[in-house]
């Protein structure tokens, strides 16, 4: 009987930052039952079994896995991978042990853009409503590539094709929704994050619905597709070395959280995040910022001083000359790219600046970090047009609707302020208008 456990397994994520979370979880599960080589990202067990972790961010990275056999290859968030990467790596899914089972396992949410739709095509009998012969969950189907074209076969019996004998490979699909996950089904915070997503993401992530679709809300400031496109770019972009701007959404005790966003040119790095209970005072919040920057000196540091933020600002003011206090309620002279829509206040301005930055037609080609909270936070706000300009709904209304504060999104909006389309900070500095700009944002 073939062994169900992998003797030599490899687990893949598209980018290393996402792989780190899997490795952290592996440490919790494996504990002392295997030896970890952190530099090689491997675990070696005393019984000869091994697990290797890898990231395949770019198309050229797939050759790093050429000729490296694993009897189990596992892809997490398969829709983030290009089909060419997946197929290439699977070519070395093999073993010399006749008693060892060989297989590929993929997990993932429904695709969020066209690039991930190859998954629906590859598992069409389970996912495509128009498939002529639909399959039941868990049902085995058999496939073989004949004359360069993949075909579905009746069963797993060998096929004679000229002088060649071709052996079909089985494939199946097992659907799942949040309630099927024994580790997350009872996590109401995670459920609330998924429930706060705009459709069709809400149905895709909450219920695993590959067929979900919807029309966009015309009053949603930042279109969901634009954010998803920016997250896809993040997976395929190298982080620049120069720290351009930092956005800080402070917290001081309470239920809200403190979030720090760092921007490297048009690339937004992973967010630093702490619960409000861990930031009881302004000086502690300032220390969190200093630790996160770790000696880096941004050109611009924008911090929300509404309510509790002023204490963090005061603690950082003397150490970071580029820091600017942002009052969301203060007046704004910013207009959208068309020049027709005026912003009523700074809150409307930094939302609309992000919209303009993400616009696929003439935007800044920014890259946003992955995560459902980022999507929900940036896409939850709605607006209306008044005689005095564009007005964004109050933060309290957003919190009421999504069940929490959009802290991560707020820090991203602040990091995007000034340094995007419109007037760059270099333009402001070169024109000698620093005092004018800073006075307007304070």
Protein backbone atom coordinates (compact mmCIF):
# COMPACT_ATOMS: atom_id res chain seq x y z
CA UNK A 1 0.00 0.00 0.00
CA UNK A 2 1.35 3.41 -0.97
CA UNK A 3 2.26 5.81 1.82
CA UNK A 4 -0.19 8.72 2.07
CA UNK A 5 2.41 10.93 3.75
CA UNK A 6 4.96 12.73 1.65
CA UNK A 7 8.51 11.49 2.09
CA UNK A 8 10.01 14.55 0.40
CA UNK A 9 7.50 17.41 0.24
CA UNK A 10 7.70 20.98 -1.04
CA UNK A 11 5.25 23.72 -0.09
CA UNK A 12 5.02 26.82 -2.28
CA UNK A 13 3.70 30.37 -1.97
CA UNK A 14 4.08 32.96 -4.69
CA UNK A 15 6.13 35.43 -2.62
CA UNK A 16 8.36 35.00 0.40
CA UNK A 17 6.48 37.42 2.76
CA UNK A 18 3.43 35.14 2.48
CA UNK A 19 5.60 32.06 2.88
CA UNK A 20 6.87 33.31 6.24
CA UNK A 21 3.43 32.85 7.81
CA UNK A 22 3.30 29.23 6.67
CA UNK A 23 6.76 28.63 8.10
CA UNK A 24 5.75 30.20 11.41
CA UNK A 25 2.72 27.90 11.56
CA UNK A 26 4.91 24.90 10.69
CA UNK A 27 7.06 25.65 13.73
CA UNK A 28 3.96 25.58 15.94
CA UNK A 29 2.89 22.20 14.54
CA UNK A 30 6.25 20.44 14.12
CA UNK A 31 7.87 21.81 17.30
CA UNK A 32 10.80 19.57 18.26
CA UNK A 33 9.90 16.57 16.13
CA UNK A 34 12.17 17.71 13.28
CA UNK A 35 15.30 19.78 12.73
CA UNK A 36 14.76 23.13 11.01
CA UNK A 37 17.38 24.65 8.73
CA UNK A 38 16.20 28.26 8.58
CA UNK A 39 18.57 29.34 5.83
CA UNK A 40 17.51 26.45 3.59
CA UNK A 41 13.84 26.64 4.70
CA UNK A 42 13.71 22.90 5.33
CA UNK A 43 12.68 20.49 8.09
CA UNK A 44 14.36 17.10 8.40
CA UNK A 45 12.63 14.32 10.39
CA UNK A 46 14.39 11.43 12.08
CA UNK A 47 12.45 8.92 9.92
CA UNK A 48 14.01 10.36 6.75
CA UNK A 49 11.09 12.54 5.71
CA UNK A 50 11.60 16.18 4.79
CA UNK A 51 9.60 19.32 4.07
CA UNK A 52 10.93 22.22 2.00
CA UNK A 53 9.36 25.67 1.65
CA UNK A 54 9.77 27.84 -1.42
CA UNK A 55 8.59 31.03 -3.11
CA UNK A 56 8.32 31.47 -6.88
CA UNK A 57 7.72 35.19 -7.33
CA UNK A 58 8.86 35.61 -10.94
CA UNK A 59 8.57 33.47 -14.04
CA UNK A 60 12.34 32.96 -14.08
CA UNK A 61 12.30 31.67 -10.48
CA UNK A 62 10.64 28.44 -11.55
CA UNK A 63 13.95 27.12 -12.91
CA UNK A 64 15.30 27.08 -9.34
CA UNK A 65 13.12 23.96 -8.92
CA UNK A 66 14.17 22.26 -12.14
CA UNK A 67 15.34 18.70 -11.59
CA UNK A 68 14.40 18.72 -7.90
CA UNK A 69 11.98 15.84 -7.28
CA UNK A 70 9.34 15.82 -4.54
CA UNK A 71 6.70 13.13 -4.16
CA UNK A 72 4.36 15.76 -2.69
CA UNK A 73 4.20 19.26 -4.14
CA UNK A 74 1.77 21.60 -2.42
CA UNK A 75 0.70 25.05 -3.68
CA UNK A 76 -1.01 27.45 -1.29
CA UNK A 77 -3.21 30.13 -2.92
CA UNK A 78 -2.88 28.51 -6.33
CA UNK A 79 -4.65 31.35 -8.17
CA UNK A 80 -1.69 33.64 -7.37
CA UNK A 81 0.58 31.47 -9.51
CA UNK A 82 0.92 31.62 -13.28
CA UNK A 83 -0.17 28.38 -14.93
CA UNK A 84 3.25 28.09 -16.60
CA UNK A 85 4.97 28.13 -13.18
CA UNK A 86 2.61 25.49 -11.78
CA UNK A 87 2.98 23.14 -14.76
CA UNK A 88 6.79 23.50 -14.87
CA UNK A 89 7.32 22.72 -11.18
CA UNK A 90 4.93 19.76 -11.30
CA UNK A 91 7.15 18.12 -13.94
CA UNK A 92 9.40 16.91 -11.09
CA UNK A 93 6.59 15.43 -9.00
CA UNK A 94 8.13 11.97 -8.72
CA UNK A 95 9.85 9.36 -6.50
CA UNK A 96 12.00 6.26 -6.93
CA UNK A 97 10.21 4.53 -4.05
CA UNK A 98 7.50 2.21 -5.50
CA UNK A 99 5.64 2.28 -2.17
CA UNK A 100 5.42 6.09 -2.00
CA UNK A 101 2.33 7.91 -3.28
CA UNK A 102 2.99 10.82 -5.65
CA UNK A 103 0.61 13.76 -5.85
CA UNK A 104 0.12 17.51 -6.13
CA UNK A 105 -2.21 19.35 -3.74
CA UNK A 106 -3.44 22.90 -4.30
CA UNK A 107 -5.42 25.15 -1.99
CA UNK A 108 -6.78 28.58 -2.69
CA UNK A 109 -9.62 31.02 -2.94
CA UNK A 110 -11.50 31.78 -6.15
CA UNK A 111 -9.46 33.87 -8.64
CA UNK A 112 -9.71 37.63 -8.16
CA UNK A 113 -8.74 38.54 -11.73
CA UNK A 114 -8.29 37.13 -15.21
CA UNK A 115 -4.78 35.88 -14.48
CA UNK A 116 -6.15 33.32 -12.04
CA UNK A 117 -8.93 32.06 -14.29
CA UNK A 118 -6.72 29.25 -15.57
CA UNK A 119 -7.63 27.45 -12.34
CA UNK A 120 -11.30 27.42 -13.35
CA UNK A 121 -10.36 26.05 -16.78
CA UNK A 122 -8.08 23.37 -15.33
CA UNK A 123 -10.77 22.17 -12.91
CA UNK A 124 -13.65 22.98 -15.28
CA UNK A 125 -15.86 19.94 -14.53
CA UNK A 126 -16.22 21.15 -10.94
CA UNK A 127 -16.12 24.94 -11.47
CA UNK A 128 -17.46 25.81 -14.91
CA UNK A 129 -21.26 25.99 -15.13
CA UNK A 130 -21.09 25.43 -18.90
CA UNK A 131 -19.03 22.25 -18.76
CA UNK A 132 -20.89 19.49 -20.69
CA UNK A 133 -20.06 16.81 -18.14
CA UNK A 134 -19.97 18.34 -14.63
CA UNK A 135 -18.25 16.47 -11.79
CA UNK A 136 -19.31 16.06 -8.18
CA UNK A 137 -17.07 17.29 -5.34
CA UNK A 138 -14.29 14.77 -4.77
CA UNK A 139 -15.08 12.81 -7.93
CA UNK A 140 -11.98 11.60 -9.80
CA UNK A 141 -11.47 12.57 -13.42
CA UNK A 142 -8.56 11.49 -15.60
CA UNK A 143 -6.45 13.63 -17.94
CA UNK A 144 -3.66 13.09 -20.45
CA UNK A 145 -1.78 15.33 -22.86
CA UNK A 146 -1.97 13.88 -26.36
CA UNK A 147 -0.24 15.59 -29.28
CA UNK A 148 0.29 18.71 -27.16
CA UNK A 149 -3.35 19.01 -26.10
CA UNK A 150 -4.73 18.06 -22.69
CA UNK A 151 -7.78 15.81 -22.92
CA UNK A 152 -10.15 14.29 -20.41
CA UNK A 153 -10.10 10.48 -20.49
CA UNK A 154 -12.76 7.95 -19.56
CA UNK A 155 -10.58 6.36 -16.87
CA UNK A 156 -6.98 5.79 -15.85
CA UNK A 157 -6.27 3.02 -18.38
CA UNK A 158 -3.16 3.55 -20.54
CA UNK A 159 -3.72 5.03 -23.99
CA UNK A 160 -1.85 4.00 -27.13
CA UNK A 161 -0.91 6.99 -29.25
CA UNK A 162 1.17 5.77 -32.18
CA UNK A 163 4.33 4.23 -30.77
CA UNK A 164 3.80 5.87 -27.36
CA UNK A 165 1.85 4.64 -24.35
CA UNK A 166 0.35 7.52 -22.38
CA UNK A 167 -0.74 7.15 -18.75
CA UNK A 168 -3.57 9.48 -17.61
CA UNK A 169 -3.32 11.31 -14.30
CA UNK A 170 -6.26 11.73 -11.94
CA UNK A 171 -7.58 15.09 -10.79
CA UNK A 172 -10.32 16.19 -8.42
CA UNK A 173 -11.68 19.23 -6.61
CA UNK A 174 -13.13 19.53 -3.11
CA UNK A 175 -14.99 22.79 -2.36
CA UNK A 176 -14.90 24.46 1.04
CA UNK A 177 -16.29 27.52 2.75
CA UNK A 178 -15.39 29.25 5.99
CA UNK A 179 -17.71 27.03 8.05
CA UNK A 180 -15.75 23.99 6.86
CA UNK A 181 -12.49 25.27 8.35
CA UNK A 182 -12.16 23.85 11.90
CA UNK A 183 -9.51 26.43 12.80
CA UNK A 184 -11.27 29.57 11.54
CA UNK A 185 -15.00 28.78 11.59
CA UNK A 186 -15.27 30.05 15.18
CA UNK A 187 -13.10 33.12 14.62
CA UNK A 188 -15.70 35.86 14.49
CA UNK A 189 -13.12 38.56 13.83
CA UNK A 190 -11.98 36.82 10.66
CA UNK A 191 -15.61 36.23 9.70
CA UNK A 192 -16.36 39.92 10.15
CA UNK A 193 -13.43 40.80 7.84
CA UNK A 194 -14.82 38.54 5.11
CA UNK A 195 -18.35 39.84 5.67
CA UNK A 196 -17.10 43.42 5.21
CA UNK A 197 -15.63 42.71 1.77
CA UNK A 198 -17.45 44.12 -1.25
CA UNK A 199 -19.10 41.65 -3.60
CA UNK A 200 -18.14 39.45 -5.35
CA UNK A 201 -15.17 39.02 -2.97
CA UNK A 202 -17.52 38.55 -0.02
CA UNK A 203 -19.15 35.45 -1.55
CA UNK A 204 -15.87 34.16 -2.95
CA UNK A 205 -13.99 34.31 0.34
CA UNK A 206 -16.83 33.53 2.75
CA UNK A 207 -18.50 30.74 0.79
CA UNK A 208 -15.77 29.68 -1.67
CA UNK A 209 -18.08 30.67 -4.53
CA UNK A 210 -16.15 30.51 -7.82
CA UNK A 211 -19.19 31.77 -9.74
CA UNK A 212 -19.90 34.92 -7.73
CA UNK A 213 -20.22 38.19 -9.62
CA UNK A 214 -21.79 41.58 -9.06
CA UNK A 215 -22.02 45.10 -10.38
CA UNK A 216 -19.83 47.71 -8.65
CA UNK A 217 -21.40 50.24 -6.29
CA UNK A 218 -21.37 53.59 -8.18
CA UNK A 219 -20.71 55.45 -4.90
CA UNK A 220 -17.75 53.32 -3.84
CA UNK A 221 -14.75 55.67 -3.93
CA UNK A 222 -12.03 53.14 -4.75
CA UNK A 223 -13.08 50.36 -7.15
CA UNK A 224 -12.38 46.87 -5.87
CA UNK A 225 -10.78 45.74 -9.14
CA UNK A 226 -8.21 48.54 -8.94
CA UNK A 227 -7.10 47.40 -5.48
CA UNK A 228 -6.93 43.76 -6.58
CA UNK A 229 -4.85 44.76 -9.60
CA UNK A 230 -2.46 46.64 -7.29
CA UNK A 231 -2.15 43.58 -5.05
CA UNK A 232 -1.35 41.44 -8.08
CA UNK A 233 1.39 43.90 -9.07
CA UNK A 234 2.80 43.60 -5.54
CA UNK A 235 3.32 39.86 -6.07
CA UNK A 236 5.32 40.54 -9.23
CA UNK A 237 7.32 43.60 -8.12
CA UNK A 238 10.69 43.89 -6.41
CA UNK A 239 10.65 46.24 -3.42
CA UNK A 240 12.75 49.37 -4.10
CA UNK A 241 15.41 50.24 -1.55
CA UNK A 242 14.50 53.89 -0.93
CA UNK A 243 11.86 54.60 1.73
CA UNK A 244 9.75 57.44 0.33
CA UNK A 245 6.89 57.91 2.77
CA UNK A 246 5.29 56.57 5.93
CA UNK A 247 1.63 56.76 6.91
CA UNK A 248 0.62 56.35 10.56
CA UNK A 249 -2.89 55.70 11.85
CA UNK A 250 -2.33 55.87 15.64
CA UNK A 251 -4.13 54.17 18.49
CA UNK A 252 -4.03 54.62 22.24
CA UNK A 253 -5.78 51.83 24.09
CA UNK A 254 -9.35 51.04 23.09
CA UNK A 255 -10.64 48.72 20.38
CA UNK A 256 -9.01 50.38 17.38
CA UNK A 257 -5.58 49.36 16.19
CA UNK A 258 -2.39 51.20 15.24
CA UNK A 259 -1.18 50.70 11.70
CA UNK A 260 2.01 51.85 9.93
CA UNK A 261 2.35 51.81 6.14
CA UNK A 262 5.74 52.26 4.45
CA UNK A 263 5.96 53.33 0.83
CA UNK A 264 9.02 52.68 -1.34
CA UNK A 265 8.40 54.78 -4.44
CA UNK A 266 5.19 53.20 -5.82
CA UNK A 267 5.53 50.01 -3.72
CA UNK A 268 3.75 49.74 -0.34
CA UNK A 269 5.45 47.31 2.01
CA UNK A 270 3.79 44.86 4.42
CA UNK A 271 1.89 46.76 7.09
CA UNK A 272 3.01 46.94 10.72
CA UNK A 273 0.03 46.49 13.00
CA UNK A 274 -0.59 46.48 16.74
CA UNK A 275 -3.79 46.32 18.83
CA UNK A 276 -4.70 49.51 20.65
CA UNK A 277 -4.25 47.80 24.01
CA UNK A 278 -0.53 47.42 23.21
CA UNK A 279 -0.21 51.17 22.58
CA UNK A 280 -1.58 52.78 25.78
CA UNK A 281 0.35 56.10 25.46
CA UNK A 282 1.70 58.43 22.78
CA UNK A 283 5.38 57.74 23.62
CA UNK A 284 4.79 53.99 23.32
CA UNK A 285 3.13 54.54 19.94
CA UNK A 286 6.11 56.66 18.87
CA UNK A 287 8.50 53.90 19.95
CA UNK A 288 6.52 51.42 17.83
CA UNK A 289 7.15 53.72 14.85
CA UNK A 290 10.87 54.01 15.60
CA UNK A 291 11.23 50.25 15.93
CA UNK A 292 9.42 49.69 12.65
CA UNK A 293 11.56 52.21 10.77
CA UNK A 294 14.71 50.64 12.24
CA UNK A 295 16.94 53.55 11.27
CA UNK A 296 15.33 54.32 7.90
CA UNK A 297 14.63 58.02 7.28
CA UNK A 298 11.57 58.65 5.11
CA UNK A 299 11.22 61.84 3.11
CA UNK A 300 7.64 62.17 4.31
CA UNK A 301 5.85 60.93 7.41
CA UNK A 302 2.12 61.63 7.58
CA UNK A 303 0.26 61.00 10.84
CA UNK A 304 -3.42 61.38 11.62
CA UNK A 305 -3.69 63.69 14.63
CA UNK A 306 -7.44 63.42 15.02
CA UNK A 307 -8.33 62.55 18.61
CA UNK A 308 -5.47 60.48 20.05
CA UNK A 309 -2.87 60.98 17.31
CA UNK A 310 -1.47 64.27 18.55
CA UNK A 311 0.45 62.63 21.41
CA UNK A 312 2.26 60.26 19.02
CA UNK A 313 2.98 63.20 16.72
CA UNK A 314 4.45 65.27 19.57
CA UNK A 315 6.72 62.36 20.55
CA UNK A 316 8.04 61.99 16.99
CA UNK A 317 8.19 65.63 15.90
CA UNK A 318 11.76 66.41 16.97
CA UNK A 319 13.21 63.18 15.59
CA UNK A 320 11.72 63.15 12.09
CA UNK A 321 11.87 66.47 10.22
CA UNK A 322 9.62 65.16 7.44
CA UNK A 323 6.69 64.50 9.77
CA UNK A 324 3.38 66.20 8.95
CA UNK A 325 0.29 66.30 11.13
CA UNK A 326 -2.85 65.46 9.13
CA UNK A 327 -6.22 66.72 10.30
CA UNK A 328 -8.87 64.87 8.30
CA UNK A 329 -11.46 67.59 8.97
CA UNK A 330 -9.32 70.48 7.67
CA UNK A 331 -10.01 72.17 4.34
CA UNK A 332 -8.62 70.88 1.04
CA UNK A 333 -7.99 72.48 -2.33
CA UNK A 334 -7.37 69.18 -4.11
CA UNK A 335 -9.33 68.31 -7.24
CA UNK A 336 -9.60 64.97 -8.98
CA UNK A 337 -7.60 64.33 -12.14
CA UNK A 338 -10.37 65.71 -14.34
CA UNK A 339 -10.24 68.98 -12.40
CA UNK A 340 -14.02 68.92 -11.99
CA UNK A 341 -14.46 67.45 -8.52
CA UNK A 342 -13.25 69.48 -5.55
CA UNK A 343 -12.62 67.78 -2.22
CA UNK A 344 -14.49 69.11 0.79
CA UNK A 345 -11.84 68.19 3.36
CA UNK A 346 -8.57 66.33 3.83
CA UNK A 347 -10.39 63.05 4.41
CA UNK A 348 -11.90 63.26 0.94
CA UNK A 349 -8.53 64.31 -0.47
CA UNK A 350 -6.52 61.36 0.72
CA UNK A 351 -9.21 58.90 -0.37
CA UNK A 352 -9.40 60.48 -3.81
CA UNK A 353 -5.62 60.68 -4.16
CA UNK A 354 -5.50 56.92 -3.65
CA UNK A 355 -8.26 56.49 -6.25
CA UNK A 356 -6.26 58.59 -8.71
CA UNK A 357 -3.08 56.64 -7.92
CA UNK A 358 -4.81 53.30 -8.56
CA UNK A 359 -6.59 54.43 -11.73
CA UNK A 360 -5.45 52.05 -14.52
CA UNK A 361 -5.69 54.98 -16.93
CA UNK A 362 -2.98 57.40 -15.91
CA UNK A 363 -2.46 56.33 -12.30
CA UNK A 364 0.83 55.75 -10.50
CA UNK A 365 1.00 51.97 -11.03
CA UNK A 366 1.22 51.46 -7.27
CA UNK A 367 1.62 48.04 -5.66
CA UNK A 368 -0.41 47.27 -2.53
CA UNK A 369 0.28 44.45 -0.04
CA UNK A 370 -2.03 41.42 -0.14
CA UNK A 371 -4.76 40.77 2.40
CA UNK A 372 -8.52 40.86 2.70
CA UNK A 373 -8.40 43.62 5.29
CA UNK A 374 -6.56 45.90 2.86
CA UNK A 375 -9.29 45.36 0.25
CA UNK A 376 -12.12 45.86 2.74
CA UNK A 377 -10.55 48.94 4.34
CA UNK A 378 -9.85 50.73 1.06
CA UNK A 379 -13.06 49.74 -0.72
CA UNK A 380 -15.59 50.23 2.09
CA UNK A 381 -15.84 54.03 1.96
CA UNK A 382 -18.60 55.70 -0.05
CA UNK A 383 -18.98 59.32 -1.09
CA UNK A 384 -21.48 61.92 -2.16
CA UNK A 385 -21.11 65.17 -4.06
CA UNK A 386 -22.21 68.33 -2.24
CA UNK A 387 -22.19 71.99 -3.28
CA UNK A 388 -18.94 72.43 -1.34
CA UNK A 389 -17.24 69.36 -2.81
CA UNK A 390 -16.84 65.60 -2.47
CA UNK A 391 -17.71 64.33 1.01
CA UNK A 392 -16.63 60.91 2.28
CA UNK A 393 -18.85 59.21 4.80
CA UNK A 394 -17.69 59.44 8.40
CA UNK A 395 -15.33 56.83 9.77
CA UNK A 396 -17.92 55.96 12.40
CA UNK A 397 -20.35 54.95 9.64
CA UNK A 398 -17.75 52.71 8.01
CA UNK A 399 -16.97 51.10 11.37
CA UNK A 400 -20.67 50.48 11.93
CA UNK A 401 -21.05 48.82 8.54
CA UNK A 402 -17.91 46.62 8.52
CA UNK A 403 -17.79 46.00 12.28
CA UNK A 404 -14.33 47.47 12.93
CA UNK A 405 -12.08 50.42 12.19
CA UNK A 406 -10.40 50.51 8.73
CA UNK A 407 -6.99 51.15 10.32
CA UNK A 408 -4.82 49.43 7.71
CA UNK A 409 -6.49 51.29 4.89
CA UNK A 410 -6.11 54.60 6.70
CA UNK A 411 -2.35 54.16 7.07
CA UNK A 412 -2.04 53.32 3.36
CA UNK A 413 -4.03 56.44 2.46
CA UNK A 414 -1.74 58.57 4.62
CA UNK A 415 1.41 57.04 3.09
CA UNK A 416 0.02 57.86 -0.34
CA UNK A 417 -0.62 61.51 0.51
CA UNK A 418 1.50 64.13 -1.28
CA UNK A 419 3.85 61.63 -2.95
CA UNK A 420 1.57 60.58 -5.80
CA UNK A 421 -0.02 62.07 -8.92
CA UNK A 422 -0.80 65.76 -8.58
CA UNK A 423 2.21 67.29 -6.84
CA UNK A 424 5.08 65.07 -5.82
CA UNK A 425 7.11 66.01 -2.76
CA UNK A 426 10.12 66.63 -5.02
CA UNK A 427 8.05 69.12 -7.02
CA UNK A 428 6.96 70.90 -3.86
CA UNK A 429 10.49 71.06 -2.50
CA UNK A 430 11.97 72.25 -5.81
CA UNK A 431 9.42 75.03 -6.07
CA UNK A 432 10.25 76.24 -2.57
CA UNK A 433 6.68 75.72 -1.39
CA UNK A 434 7.30 73.39 1.55
CA UNK A 435 5.96 75.87 4.10
CA UNK A 436 2.84 76.47 2.02
CA UNK A 437 2.11 72.75 1.65
CA UNK A 438 2.85 71.86 5.26
CA UNK A 439 0.67 74.67 6.58
CA UNK A 440 -2.22 73.45 4.46
CA UNK A 441 -1.99 69.89 5.81
CA UNK A 442 -1.51 70.78 9.47
